Amino acid sequence: MGLLGLFGGVEKEKRTQLFFRDDGSFVFRRLEIEDTFLVVKKDGDIVKGWKHFFKNQFPFGGYSNIGADMVTLSYDRDIILDPYNLVGEKEKPDEAVAQDSKGNGKGQIKSAQPWLVEVGNARRLKMISNRGKSSIFDKIVLFIGATLIFEVLIIGIMVAASRGGGG
């Protein structure tokens, strides 16, 4: 257990993603899981994400410098890649493409908006519930304050004992 765990920090959970690109190439990569999504971050901000379902992971024994792990399949343009229909239909957004005023598809998923609103609300509720957590600085100040009170208590007992023993 490192110092980070001692002061309440938690190392982010990571999973392996088998990421397929449009050009037919693929890459294995370790990504953080945040709010049920495998995420790619740049400068601490999430720039891409794929929905992560535990039932949509596959065992991978490892190869060369790629460690053994449960692997999630992902594609650049899909939030969920489910080639074996393991994820229930209620958990996926509908794939009907939204149309603009001229009837052209914009590439947006019509029903993804309510689905993403639910994800956003879950994130908001999680942040609200974590709002009152103590920071490392608060814990240090609390420790120093408790130590000071303990020292004053010991000095008080020593003074009382020295006055009571001499009379």
N, C-alpha and C. Protein backbone atom coordinates (compact mmCIF):
# COMPACT_ATOMS: atom_id res chain seq x y z
N MET A 1 0.85 -1.18 0.00
CA MET A 1 0.00 0.00 0.00
C MET A 1 0.89 1.23 0.00
N GLY A 2 0.76 2.08 -0.99
CA GLY A 2 1.59 3.27 -1.08
C GLY A 2 1.02 4.41 -0.27
N LEU A 3 1.72 5.52 -0.26
CA LEU A 3 1.25 6.71 0.46
C LEU A 3 -0.08 7.20 -0.07
N LEU A 4 -0.30 7.01 -1.37
CA LEU A 4 -1.56 7.47 -1.95
C LEU A 4 -2.74 6.79 -1.28
N GLY A 5 -2.64 5.47 -1.02
CA GLY A 5 -3.71 4.75 -0.35
C GLY A 5 -3.85 5.14 1.11
N LEU A 6 -2.74 5.53 1.76
CA LEU A 6 -2.76 5.92 3.17
C LEU A 6 -3.58 7.19 3.38
N PHE A 7 -3.52 8.11 2.45
CA PHE A 7 -4.22 9.38 2.59
C PHE A 7 -5.54 9.43 1.82
N GLY A 8 -6.10 8.28 1.48
CA GLY A 8 -7.43 8.25 0.89
C GLY A 8 -7.46 8.27 -0.62
N GLY A 9 -6.33 8.44 -1.29
CA GLY A 9 -6.31 8.42 -2.74
C GLY A 9 -6.47 6.99 -3.24
N VAL A 10 -7.11 6.83 -4.36
CA VAL A 10 -7.34 5.50 -4.90
C VAL A 10 -6.79 5.46 -6.31
N GLU A 11 -6.01 4.42 -6.59
CA GLU A 11 -5.50 4.25 -7.93
C GLU A 11 -6.66 3.85 -8.83
N LYS A 12 -6.74 4.45 -10.02
CA LYS A 12 -7.83 4.17 -10.94
C LYS A 12 -7.74 2.75 -11.48
N GLU A 13 -8.89 2.10 -11.59
CA GLU A 13 -8.94 0.77 -12.15
C GLU A 13 -8.69 0.86 -13.66
N LYS A 14 -7.91 -0.08 -14.19
CA LYS A 14 -7.61 -0.09 -15.62
C LYS A 14 -8.00 -1.43 -16.21
N ARG A 15 -8.35 -1.40 -17.48
CA ARG A 15 -8.68 -2.60 -18.23
C ARG A 15 -8.01 -2.51 -19.60
N THR A 16 -7.84 -3.67 -20.21
CA THR A 16 -7.22 -3.73 -21.53
C THR A 16 -8.30 -3.62 -22.59
N GLN A 17 -8.02 -2.82 -23.60
CA GLN A 17 -8.94 -2.61 -24.71
C GLN A 17 -8.25 -3.09 -25.99
N LEU A 18 -8.95 -3.88 -26.78
CA LEU A 18 -8.50 -4.22 -28.12
C LEU A 18 -9.21 -3.25 -29.04
N PHE A 19 -8.45 -2.27 -29.52
CA PHE A 19 -9.02 -1.13 -30.25
C PHE A 19 -8.80 -1.31 -31.74
N PHE A 20 -9.90 -1.38 -32.51
CA PHE A 20 -9.83 -1.52 -33.96
C PHE A 20 -9.96 -0.14 -34.60
N ARG A 21 -9.11 0.11 -35.58
CA ARG A 21 -9.13 1.40 -36.30
C ARG A 21 -9.81 1.24 -37.65
N ASP A 22 -10.18 2.36 -38.28
CA ASP A 22 -10.83 2.34 -39.59
C ASP A 22 -9.96 1.73 -40.67
N ASP A 23 -8.65 1.87 -40.55
CA ASP A 23 -7.75 1.35 -41.59
C ASP A 23 -7.50 -0.16 -41.46
N GLY A 24 -8.17 -0.83 -40.51
CA GLY A 24 -8.02 -2.27 -40.34
C GLY A 24 -6.96 -2.66 -39.34
N SER A 25 -6.19 -1.72 -38.85
CA SER A 25 -5.18 -2.03 -37.84
C SER A 25 -5.84 -2.09 -36.46
N PHE A 26 -5.11 -2.62 -35.51
CA PHE A 26 -5.63 -2.69 -34.15
C PHE A 26 -4.47 -2.55 -33.17
N VAL A 27 -4.82 -2.22 -31.91
CA VAL A 27 -3.80 -2.05 -30.88
C VAL A 27 -4.41 -2.46 -29.54
N PHE A 28 -3.59 -3.08 -28.69
CA PHE A 28 -3.98 -3.36 -27.32
C PHE A 28 -3.52 -2.19 -26.46
N ARG A 29 -4.39 -1.68 -25.60
CA ARG A 29 -3.99 -0.58 -24.72
C ARG A 29 -4.71 -0.68 -23.39
N ARG A 30 -4.03 -0.21 -22.34
CA ARG A 30 -4.59 -0.18 -20.98
C ARG A 30 -5.24 1.19 -20.79
N LEU A 31 -6.53 1.18 -20.44
CA LEU A 31 -7.26 2.42 -20.23
C LEU A 31 -7.91 2.42 -18.86
N GLU A 32 -8.07 3.62 -18.30
CA GLU A 32 -8.76 3.77 -17.02
C GLU A 32 -10.25 3.55 -17.22
N ILE A 33 -10.89 3.06 -16.16
CA ILE A 33 -12.35 2.98 -16.15
C ILE A 33 -12.84 4.14 -15.29
N GLU A 34 -13.68 4.96 -15.87
CA GLU A 34 -14.26 6.07 -15.13
C GLU A 34 -15.74 6.14 -15.45
N ASP A 35 -16.55 6.02 -14.41
CA ASP A 35 -18.02 6.05 -14.55
C ASP A 35 -18.50 5.05 -15.59
N THR A 36 -18.05 3.84 -15.51
CA THR A 36 -18.40 2.71 -16.38
C THR A 36 -17.97 2.88 -17.83
N PHE A 37 -16.99 3.74 -18.07
CA PHE A 37 -16.46 3.93 -19.41
C PHE A 37 -14.96 3.70 -19.43
N LEU A 38 -14.46 3.07 -20.49
CA LEU A 38 -13.03 3.06 -20.76
C LEU A 38 -12.73 4.42 -21.36
N VAL A 39 -11.78 5.16 -20.79
CA VAL A 39 -11.58 6.53 -21.24
C VAL A 39 -10.13 6.79 -21.65
N VAL A 40 -10.00 7.70 -22.63
CA VAL A 40 -8.71 8.23 -23.04
C VAL A 40 -8.67 9.66 -22.54
N LYS A 41 -7.62 10.01 -21.81
CA LYS A 41 -7.51 11.35 -21.26
C LYS A 41 -6.33 12.09 -21.89
N LYS A 42 -6.50 13.39 -22.01
CA LYS A 42 -5.43 14.27 -22.48
C LYS A 42 -5.40 15.45 -21.53
N ASP A 43 -4.29 15.68 -20.87
CA ASP A 43 -4.15 16.75 -19.89
C ASP A 43 -5.19 16.66 -18.78
N GLY A 44 -5.55 15.44 -18.39
CA GLY A 44 -6.50 15.22 -17.30
C GLY A 44 -7.95 15.28 -17.71
N ASP A 45 -8.24 15.64 -18.97
CA ASP A 45 -9.62 15.72 -19.45
C ASP A 45 -9.93 14.51 -20.33
N ILE A 46 -11.14 14.01 -20.23
CA ILE A 46 -11.56 12.88 -21.05
C ILE A 46 -11.81 13.37 -22.47
N VAL A 47 -11.17 12.72 -23.45
CA VAL A 47 -11.37 13.10 -24.84
C VAL A 47 -12.13 12.04 -25.63
N LYS A 48 -12.09 10.77 -25.16
CA LYS A 48 -12.84 9.69 -25.81
C LYS A 48 -13.27 8.70 -24.75
N GLY A 49 -14.38 8.01 -25.01
CA GLY A 49 -14.83 7.01 -24.08
C GLY A 49 -15.65 5.93 -24.76
N TRP A 50 -15.58 4.72 -24.21
CA TRP A 50 -16.34 3.58 -24.69
C TRP A 50 -17.01 2.93 -23.51
N LYS A 51 -18.28 2.63 -23.63
CA LYS A 51 -19.02 2.00 -22.54
C LYS A 51 -18.38 0.65 -22.23
N HIS A 52 -18.16 0.40 -20.94
CA HIS A 52 -17.51 -0.84 -20.51
C HIS A 52 -18.51 -1.72 -19.78
N PHE A 53 -18.77 -2.90 -20.33
CA PHE A 53 -19.61 -3.89 -19.69
C PHE A 53 -18.73 -5.09 -19.35
N PHE A 54 -18.82 -5.57 -18.12
CA PHE A 54 -18.03 -6.73 -17.73
C PHE A 54 -18.42 -7.97 -18.53
N LYS A 55 -19.70 -8.07 -18.92
CA LYS A 55 -20.12 -9.24 -19.69
C LYS A 55 -19.63 -9.18 -21.13
N ASN A 56 -19.07 -8.06 -21.56
CA ASN A 56 -18.56 -7.92 -22.92
C ASN A 56 -17.03 -7.96 -22.94
N GLN A 57 -16.43 -8.63 -21.94
CA GLN A 57 -14.98 -8.81 -21.89
C GLN A 57 -14.65 -10.24 -22.29
N PHE A 58 -13.47 -10.41 -22.85
CA PHE A 58 -13.04 -11.73 -23.28
C PHE A 58 -11.67 -12.03 -22.69
N PRO A 59 -11.45 -13.28 -22.25
CA PRO A 59 -10.14 -13.62 -21.68
C PRO A 59 -9.06 -13.60 -22.77
N PHE A 60 -7.92 -13.05 -22.42
CA PHE A 60 -6.77 -12.99 -23.33
C PHE A 60 -5.56 -13.47 -22.56
N GLY A 61 -4.90 -14.48 -23.06
CA GLY A 61 -3.78 -15.12 -22.36
C GLY A 61 -2.48 -14.35 -22.39
N GLY A 62 -2.44 -13.28 -23.16
CA GLY A 62 -1.22 -12.50 -23.27
C GLY A 62 -0.38 -12.97 -24.45
N TYR A 63 0.45 -12.07 -24.94
CA TYR A 63 1.34 -12.38 -26.05
C TYR A 63 2.47 -11.37 -26.06
N SER A 64 3.68 -11.83 -26.20
CA SER A 64 4.86 -10.97 -26.26
C SER A 64 4.89 -10.03 -25.06
N ASN A 65 4.84 -8.72 -25.28
CA ASN A 65 4.88 -7.77 -24.16
C ASN A 65 3.49 -7.33 -23.72
N ILE A 66 2.44 -8.00 -24.20
CA ILE A 66 1.07 -7.70 -23.81
C ILE A 66 0.67 -8.70 -22.72
N GLY A 67 0.35 -8.19 -21.54
CA GLY A 67 0.01 -9.05 -20.41
C GLY A 67 -1.36 -9.69 -20.55
N ALA A 68 -1.54 -10.80 -19.86
CA ALA A 68 -2.83 -11.49 -19.83
C ALA A 68 -3.84 -10.63 -19.08
N ASP A 69 -5.05 -10.57 -19.59
CA ASP A 69 -6.10 -9.75 -18.97
C ASP A 69 -7.42 -10.08 -19.64
N MET A 70 -8.49 -9.55 -19.08
CA MET A 70 -9.78 -9.58 -19.74
C MET A 70 -9.79 -8.39 -20.70
N VAL A 71 -10.19 -8.62 -21.94
CA VAL A 71 -10.08 -7.61 -22.98
C VAL A 71 -11.47 -7.20 -23.47
N THR A 72 -11.66 -5.89 -23.64
CA THR A 72 -12.89 -5.34 -24.19
C THR A 72 -12.63 -4.94 -25.64
N LEU A 73 -13.50 -5.37 -26.55
CA LEU A 73 -13.37 -4.99 -27.95
C LEU A 73 -13.98 -3.61 -28.15
N SER A 74 -13.29 -2.75 -28.90
CA SER A 74 -13.81 -1.41 -29.16
C SER A 74 -13.42 -0.98 -30.57
N TYR A 75 -14.24 -0.10 -31.11
CA TYR A 75 -14.03 0.42 -32.45
C TYR A 75 -14.07 1.93 -32.36
N ASP A 76 -13.37 2.61 -33.23
CA ASP A 76 -13.23 4.07 -33.13
C ASP A 76 -14.56 4.80 -33.16
N ARG A 77 -15.50 4.34 -33.97
CA ARG A 77 -16.74 5.10 -34.14
C ARG A 77 -17.90 4.59 -33.32
N ASP A 78 -17.73 3.52 -32.55
CA ASP A 78 -18.83 2.96 -31.77
C ASP A 78 -18.57 3.11 -30.28
N ILE A 79 -19.60 3.47 -29.54
CA ILE A 79 -19.46 3.56 -28.09
C ILE A 79 -19.52 2.17 -27.47
N ILE A 80 -20.21 1.23 -28.16
CA ILE A 80 -20.28 -0.16 -27.71
C ILE A 80 -20.06 -1.05 -28.93
N LEU A 81 -19.05 -1.91 -28.87
CA LEU A 81 -18.83 -2.91 -29.91
C LEU A 81 -19.21 -4.25 -29.31
N ASP A 82 -20.31 -4.81 -29.81
CA ASP A 82 -20.86 -6.04 -29.23
C ASP A 82 -21.12 -7.05 -30.36
N PRO A 83 -20.07 -7.66 -30.92
CA PRO A 83 -20.27 -8.56 -32.06
C PRO A 83 -21.00 -9.86 -31.71
N TYR A 84 -21.06 -10.24 -30.44
CA TYR A 84 -21.69 -11.49 -30.05
C TYR A 84 -23.01 -11.28 -29.31
N ASN A 85 -23.56 -10.08 -29.34
CA ASN A 85 -24.84 -9.74 -28.70
C ASN A 85 -24.89 -10.18 -27.24
N LEU A 86 -23.87 -9.83 -26.48
CA LEU A 86 -23.82 -10.16 -25.05
C LEU A 86 -24.46 -9.08 -24.20
N VAL A 87 -24.53 -7.87 -24.74
CA VAL A 87 -25.11 -6.74 -24.01
C VAL A 87 -26.58 -6.65 -24.38
N GLY A 88 -27.44 -6.54 -23.38
CA GLY A 88 -28.88 -6.47 -23.62
C GLY A 88 -29.28 -5.24 -24.41
N GLU A 89 -30.36 -5.37 -25.16
CA GLU A 89 -30.82 -4.26 -26.01
C GLU A 89 -31.22 -3.03 -25.19
N LYS A 90 -31.70 -3.24 -23.95
CA LYS A 90 -32.10 -2.11 -23.12
C LYS A 90 -30.89 -1.29 -22.67
N GLU A 91 -29.70 -1.90 -22.68
CA GLU A 91 -28.50 -1.21 -22.24
C GLU A 91 -27.81 -0.44 -23.36
N LYS A 92 -28.25 -0.66 -24.60
CA LYS A 92 -27.63 0.01 -25.75
C LYS A 92 -28.55 1.12 -26.27
N PRO A 93 -27.95 2.20 -26.77
CA PRO A 93 -28.79 3.19 -27.45
C PRO A 93 -29.24 2.66 -28.80
N ASP A 94 -30.42 3.11 -29.26
CA ASP A 94 -30.91 2.72 -30.57
C ASP A 94 -29.98 3.31 -31.63
N GLU A 95 -29.84 2.63 -32.75
CA GLU A 95 -28.88 3.08 -33.75
C GLU A 95 -29.52 3.85 -34.89
N ALA A 96 -30.72 4.38 -34.71
CA ALA A 96 -31.33 5.19 -35.76
C ALA A 96 -30.58 6.50 -35.87
N VAL A 97 -30.20 6.87 -37.10
CA VAL A 97 -29.39 8.07 -37.32
C VAL A 97 -30.28 9.29 -37.45
N ALA A 98 -29.91 10.35 -36.74
CA ALA A 98 -30.68 11.59 -36.79
C ALA A 98 -30.52 12.24 -38.18
N GLN A 99 -31.58 12.88 -38.65
CA GLN A 99 -31.57 13.54 -39.96
C GLN A 99 -31.59 15.05 -39.78
N ASP A 100 -30.89 15.76 -40.68
CA ASP A 100 -30.99 17.21 -40.64
C ASP A 100 -32.20 17.64 -41.47
N SER A 101 -32.40 18.95 -41.68
CA SER A 101 -33.59 19.45 -42.37
C SER A 101 -33.64 19.01 -43.83
N LYS A 102 -32.49 18.66 -44.43
CA LYS A 102 -32.45 18.21 -45.83
C LYS A 102 -32.55 16.70 -45.96
N GLY A 103 -32.67 15.99 -44.82
CA GLY A 103 -32.80 14.54 -44.86
C GLY A 103 -31.46 13.82 -44.86
N ASN A 104 -30.38 14.55 -44.64
CA ASN A 104 -29.07 13.91 -44.59
C ASN A 104 -28.76 13.46 -43.17
N GLY A 105 -28.17 12.27 -43.07
CA GLY A 105 -27.77 11.78 -41.76
C GLY A 105 -26.56 12.53 -41.24
N LYS A 106 -26.60 12.94 -40.00
CA LYS A 106 -25.47 13.66 -39.40
C LYS A 106 -24.51 12.72 -38.70
N GLY A 107 -24.88 11.46 -38.59
CA GLY A 107 -24.04 10.51 -37.88
C GLY A 107 -24.32 10.46 -36.40
N GLN A 108 -25.28 11.22 -35.91
CA GLN A 108 -25.65 11.18 -34.50
C GLN A 108 -26.70 10.10 -34.29
N ILE A 109 -26.67 9.50 -33.15
CA ILE A 109 -27.67 8.49 -32.83
C ILE A 109 -28.82 9.19 -32.13
N LYS A 110 -30.04 9.02 -32.66
CA LYS A 110 -31.22 9.71 -32.13
C LYS A 110 -31.41 9.43 -30.65
N SER A 111 -31.47 8.18 -30.29
CA SER A 111 -31.81 7.86 -28.91
C SER A 111 -30.60 7.87 -27.99
N ALA A 112 -29.44 8.22 -28.49
CA ALA A 112 -28.26 8.26 -27.64
C ALA A 112 -28.34 9.42 -26.66
N GLN A 113 -29.06 10.48 -27.03
CA GLN A 113 -29.11 11.64 -26.15
C GLN A 113 -29.73 11.30 -24.79
N PRO A 114 -30.90 10.65 -24.70
CA PRO A 114 -31.41 10.29 -23.37
C PRO A 114 -30.48 9.32 -22.65
N TRP A 115 -29.85 8.43 -23.38
CA TRP A 115 -28.93 7.46 -22.79
C TRP A 115 -27.73 8.18 -22.20
N LEU A 116 -27.19 9.15 -22.91
CA LEU A 116 -26.05 9.92 -22.41
C LEU A 116 -26.47 10.85 -21.27
N VAL A 117 -27.71 11.33 -21.28
CA VAL A 117 -28.21 12.14 -20.17
C VAL A 117 -28.21 11.31 -18.89
N GLU A 118 -28.60 10.04 -19.00
CA GLU A 118 -28.58 9.16 -17.83
C GLU A 118 -27.16 8.98 -17.31
N VAL A 119 -26.20 8.81 -18.22
CA VAL A 119 -24.79 8.68 -17.82
C VAL A 119 -24.33 9.97 -17.14
N GLY A 120 -24.70 11.12 -17.71
CA GLY A 120 -24.33 12.41 -17.13
C GLY A 120 -24.94 12.61 -15.74
N ASN A 121 -26.19 12.21 -15.58
CA ASN A 121 -26.83 12.33 -14.27
C ASN A 121 -26.16 11.44 -13.24
N ALA A 122 -25.78 10.23 -13.65
CA ALA A 122 -25.06 9.33 -12.73
C ALA A 122 -23.74 9.96 -12.32
N ARG A 123 -23.05 10.59 -13.25
CA ARG A 123 -21.77 11.25 -12.96
C ARG A 123 -22.00 12.42 -12.00
N ARG A 124 -23.04 13.20 -12.24
CA ARG A 124 -23.34 14.35 -11.38
C ARG A 124 -23.64 13.90 -9.96
N LEU A 125 -24.46 12.85 -9.82
CA LEU A 125 -24.79 12.34 -8.49
C LEU A 125 -23.56 11.80 -7.78
N LYS A 126 -22.67 11.16 -8.52
CA LYS A 126 -21.44 10.65 -7.93
C LYS A 126 -20.57 11.81 -7.42
N MET A 127 -20.48 12.88 -8.20
CA MET A 127 -19.68 14.03 -7.78
C MET A 127 -20.29 14.72 -6.57
N ILE A 128 -21.62 14.81 -6.51
CA ILE A 128 -22.28 15.42 -5.36
C ILE A 128 -22.03 14.59 -4.11
N SER A 129 -22.09 13.27 -4.24
CA SER A 129 -21.89 12.43 -3.06
C SER A 129 -20.44 12.46 -2.58
N ASN A 130 -19.49 12.73 -3.46
CA ASN A 130 -18.08 12.79 -3.07
C ASN A 130 -17.64 14.18 -2.67
N ARG A 131 -18.52 15.15 -2.74
CA ARG A 131 -18.16 16.54 -2.50
C ARG A 131 -17.64 16.77 -1.08
N GLY A 132 -18.18 16.07 -0.10
CA GLY A 132 -17.81 16.31 1.29
C GLY A 132 -16.58 15.54 1.76
N LYS A 133 -15.92 14.80 0.89
CA LYS A 133 -14.77 14.01 1.29
C LYS A 133 -13.61 14.93 1.66
N SER A 134 -12.82 14.49 2.65
CA SER A 134 -11.68 15.27 3.11
C SER A 134 -10.52 15.15 2.15
N SER A 135 -9.83 16.25 1.97
CA SER A 135 -8.62 16.23 1.16
C SER A 135 -7.44 15.83 2.02
N ILE A 136 -6.32 15.58 1.41
CA ILE A 136 -5.10 15.22 2.14
C ILE A 136 -4.73 16.35 3.10
N PHE A 137 -4.85 17.60 2.66
CA PHE A 137 -4.52 18.74 3.49
C PHE A 137 -5.40 18.76 4.74
N ASP A 138 -6.69 18.48 4.58
CA ASP A 138 -7.60 18.45 5.73
C ASP A 138 -7.19 17.36 6.72
N LYS A 139 -6.77 16.22 6.22
CA LYS A 139 -6.35 15.13 7.09
C LYS A 139 -5.08 15.49 7.85
N ILE A 140 -4.14 16.16 7.20
CA ILE A 140 -2.90 16.58 7.87
C ILE A 140 -3.20 17.59 8.97
N VAL A 141 -4.06 18.57 8.68
CA VAL A 141 -4.42 19.58 9.68
C VAL A 141 -5.12 18.91 10.86
N LEU A 142 -6.00 17.97 10.59
CA LEU A 142 -6.69 17.25 11.66
C LEU A 142 -5.69 16.48 12.52
N PHE A 143 -4.71 15.82 11.90
CA PHE A 143 -3.69 15.07 12.64
C PHE A 143 -2.85 16.00 13.51
N ILE A 144 -2.43 17.14 12.97
CA ILE A 144 -1.62 18.09 13.74
C ILE A 144 -2.44 18.65 14.90
N GLY A 145 -3.70 18.97 14.67
CA GLY A 145 -4.57 19.48 15.74
C GLY A 145 -4.77 18.46 16.85
N ALA A 146 -5.00 17.20 16.50
CA ALA A 146 -5.18 16.15 17.49
C ALA A 146 -3.90 15.95 18.29
N THR A 147 -2.75 16.01 17.61
CA THR A 147 -1.46 15.87 18.29
C THR A 147 -1.25 17.01 19.29
N LEU A 148 -1.59 18.22 18.90
CA LEU A 148 -1.45 19.39 19.79
C LEU A 148 -2.33 19.24 21.02
N ILE A 149 -3.57 18.83 20.84
CA ILE A 149 -4.48 18.63 21.97
C ILE A 149 -3.95 17.55 22.90
N PHE A 150 -3.42 16.46 22.35
CA PHE A 150 -2.86 15.37 23.13
C PHE A 150 -1.66 15.86 23.96
N GLU A 151 -0.79 16.69 23.35
CA GLU A 151 0.37 17.24 24.07
C GLU A 151 -0.07 18.15 25.21
N VAL A 152 -1.06 19.01 24.97
CA VAL A 152 -1.57 19.90 26.02
C VAL A 152 -2.16 19.08 27.15
N LEU A 153 -2.86 18.02 26.84
CA LEU A 153 -3.44 17.14 27.85
C LEU A 153 -2.34 16.49 28.70
N ILE A 154 -1.29 16.01 28.08
CA ILE A 154 -0.17 15.39 28.81
C ILE A 154 0.51 16.42 29.71
N ILE A 155 0.76 17.62 29.20
CA ILE A 155 1.39 18.67 30.02
C ILE A 155 0.50 19.02 31.20
N GLY A 156 -0.80 19.11 30.99
CA GLY A 156 -1.74 19.39 32.08
C GLY A 156 -1.71 18.33 33.15
N ILE A 157 -1.66 17.07 32.74
CA ILE A 157 -1.58 15.96 33.70
C ILE A 157 -0.27 16.02 34.48
N MET A 158 0.84 16.32 33.81
CA MET A 158 2.15 16.41 34.48
C MET A 158 2.18 17.54 35.49
N VAL A 159 1.59 18.70 35.12
CA VAL A 159 1.54 19.85 36.04
C VAL A 159 0.68 19.52 37.25
N ALA A 160 -0.49 18.90 37.02
CA ALA A 160 -1.39 18.55 38.13
C ALA A 160 -0.73 17.52 39.05
N ALA A 161 0.01 16.59 38.48
CA ALA A 161 0.69 15.56 39.29
C ALA A 161 1.81 16.18 40.12
N SER A 162 2.53 17.14 39.54
CA SER A 162 3.64 17.76 40.29
C SER A 162 3.13 18.65 41.42
N ARG A 163 1.99 19.27 41.26
CA ARG A 163 1.41 20.12 42.31
C ARG A 163 0.78 19.27 43.41
N GLY A 164 0.19 18.17 43.01
CA GLY A 164 -0.49 17.31 43.98
C GLY A 164 0.49 16.50 44.80
N GLY A 165 1.65 16.15 44.27
CA GLY A 165 2.62 15.34 44.97
C GLY A 165 3.45 16.15 45.98
N GLY A 166 3.57 17.46 45.83
CA GLY A 166 4.39 18.28 46.69
C GLY A 166 3.67 18.78 47.93
N GLY A 167 2.38 18.61 48.11
CA GLY A 167 1.65 19.22 49.19
C GLY A 167 1.30 18.31 50.24
